[in-house]
Protein backbone atom coordinates (compact mmCIF):
# COMPACT_ATOMS: atom_id res chain seq x y z
CA UNK A 1 0.00 0.00 0.00
CA UNK A 2 1.23 3.45 -0.88
CA UNK A 3 1.30 6.03 1.91
CA UNK A 4 -0.26 9.40 1.07
CA UNK A 5 1.62 12.21 2.77
CA UNK A 6 -0.71 14.99 3.98
CA UNK A 7 -0.06 18.41 2.49
CA UNK A 8 -0.43 21.34 4.89
CA UNK A 9 -3.05 23.97 4.11
CA UNK A 10 -1.70 27.38 5.11
CA UNK A 11 -2.87 30.97 5.39
CA UNK A 12 -0.96 31.80 2.23
CA UNK A 13 -2.77 29.03 0.35
CA UNK A 14 -2.01 25.58 -0.96
CA UNK A 15 -2.15 24.28 -4.48
CA UNK A 16 -2.45 20.57 -3.68
CA UNK A 17 -0.63 17.93 -5.63
CA UNK A 18 -2.89 15.04 -6.62
CA UNK A 19 -1.77 11.47 -7.21
CA UNK A 20 -3.42 8.81 -9.32
CA UNK A 21 -5.44 6.56 -7.02
CA UNK A 22 -3.94 3.13 -6.42
CA UNK A 23 -6.08 0.09 -5.61
CA UNK A 24 -5.22 0.61 -1.96
CA UNK A 25 -3.42 3.33 -0.04
CA UNK A 26 -2.88 4.45 3.53
CA UNK A 27 -2.91 7.86 5.11
CA UNK A 28 -1.74 8.90 8.58
CA UNK A 29 -4.62 9.36 11.01
CA UNK A 30 -5.36 12.69 12.62
CA UNK A 31 -8.26 14.93 13.54
CA UNK A 32 -6.93 17.47 11.02
CA UNK A 33 -6.29 15.02 8.14
CA UNK A 34 -8.70 14.90 5.19
CA UNK A 35 -8.83 13.27 1.75
CA UNK A 36 -9.82 15.08 -1.42
CA UNK A 37 -10.91 12.63 -4.12
CA UNK A 38 -11.64 13.66 -7.72
CA UNK A 39 -13.31 11.38 -10.26
CA UNK A 40 -13.38 12.29 -13.96
CA UNK A 41 -14.38 8.77 -15.04
CA UNK A 42 -17.74 8.28 -16.76
CA UNK A 43 -18.92 6.10 -13.84
CA UNK A 44 -19.29 6.79 -10.16
CA UNK A 45 -16.93 5.01 -7.78
CA UNK A 46 -16.58 4.39 -4.07
CA UNK A 47 -13.85 5.12 -1.56
CA UNK A 48 -13.75 2.86 1.51
CA UNK A 49 -11.99 3.82 4.74
CA UNK A 50 -11.43 0.72 6.84
CA UNK A 51 -12.69 1.15 10.38
CA UNK A 52 -10.68 -0.46 13.16
CA UNK A 53 -12.83 0.76 16.05
CA UNK A 54 -14.75 -1.53 18.39
CA UNK A 55 -17.79 -0.35 20.35
CA UNK A 56 -19.26 -2.54 23.07
CA UNK A 57 -17.37 -5.49 21.63
CA UNK A 58 -18.71 -4.95 18.12
CA UNK A 59 -16.63 -3.80 15.16
CA UNK A 60 -17.81 -0.52 13.66
CA UNK A 61 -18.66 -0.35 9.98
CA UNK A 62 -16.28 0.94 7.33
CA UNK A 63 -16.94 4.40 5.93
CA UNK A 64 -17.96 4.15 2.24
CA UNK A 65 -18.24 7.35 0.19
CA UNK A 66 -19.63 7.47 -3.35
CA UNK A 67 -17.84 9.89 -5.67
CA UNK A 68 -20.07 10.89 -8.62
CA UNK A 69 -19.08 10.38 -12.25
CA UNK A 70 -17.40 12.88 -14.58
CA UNK A 71 -16.94 15.87 -12.26
CA UNK A 72 -17.14 14.01 -8.94
CA UNK A 73 -15.35 15.71 -6.10
CA UNK A 74 -15.48 14.68 -2.43
CA UNK A 75 -13.74 15.88 0.73
CA UNK A 76 -13.59 13.03 3.25
CA UNK A 77 -12.59 13.40 6.87
CA UNK A 78 -11.40 13.91 9.43
CA UNK A 79 -9.44 10.65 9.47
CA UNK A 80 -9.92 10.15 13.21
CA UNK A 81 -7.43 7.79 14.89
CA UNK A 82 -10.14 6.37 17.14
CA UNK A 83 -12.01 5.09 14.09
CA UNK A 84 -9.32 4.25 11.56
CA UNK A 85 -5.85 3.73 13.09
CA UNK A 86 -4.37 0.40 12.02
CA UNK A 87 -2.79 -1.76 14.74
CA UNK A 88 0.57 -2.09 12.98
CA UNK A 89 1.27 1.36 11.52
CA UNK A 90 -1.44 3.61 12.99
CA UNK A 91 -2.54 4.60 9.49
CA UNK A 92 -5.95 4.40 7.84
CA UNK A 93 -6.32 1.80 5.05
CA UNK A 94 -8.20 3.10 2.00
CA UNK A 95 -9.49 1.23 -1.06
CA UNK A 96 -11.04 2.51 -4.28
CA UNK A 97 -13.62 0.63 -6.36
CA UNK A 98 -12.05 2.12 -9.48
CA UNK A 99 -8.77 3.91 -10.07
CA UNK A 100 -9.31 4.92 -13.69
CA UNK A 101 -9.36 8.73 -13.91
CA UNK A 102 -9.37 9.06 -10.11
CA UNK A 103 -6.94 11.31 -8.26
CA UNK A 104 -6.48 11.88 -4.55
CA UNK A 105 -4.68 14.24 -2.19
CA UNK A 106 -4.26 14.01 1.58
CA UNK A 107 -4.60 17.38 3.27
CA UNK A 108 -3.82 18.62 6.77
CA UNK A 109 -5.75 21.66 7.95
């Protein structure tokens, strides 16, 4: 899995750099970490953030976000450690139903 490095949003502005989505990626967890996903494909797609949290002995559900076709654009977050931190690396595991014409940036506000 490729690790997305969050880019810091600043008062002077940020022009984010987007990467082509891979089948699976990780991003560091944090209350100020967000994903920006863009989809220019002719079909909608989904982004799944794997939940690692347990409530009352029950695993919580993954977060699944649908990104619309053609001009789809979604901000997803925050990537809260209490919901998404992996046991080994503390990062959130992310999968994409399609990677064709999909770009993503991790942002820190």
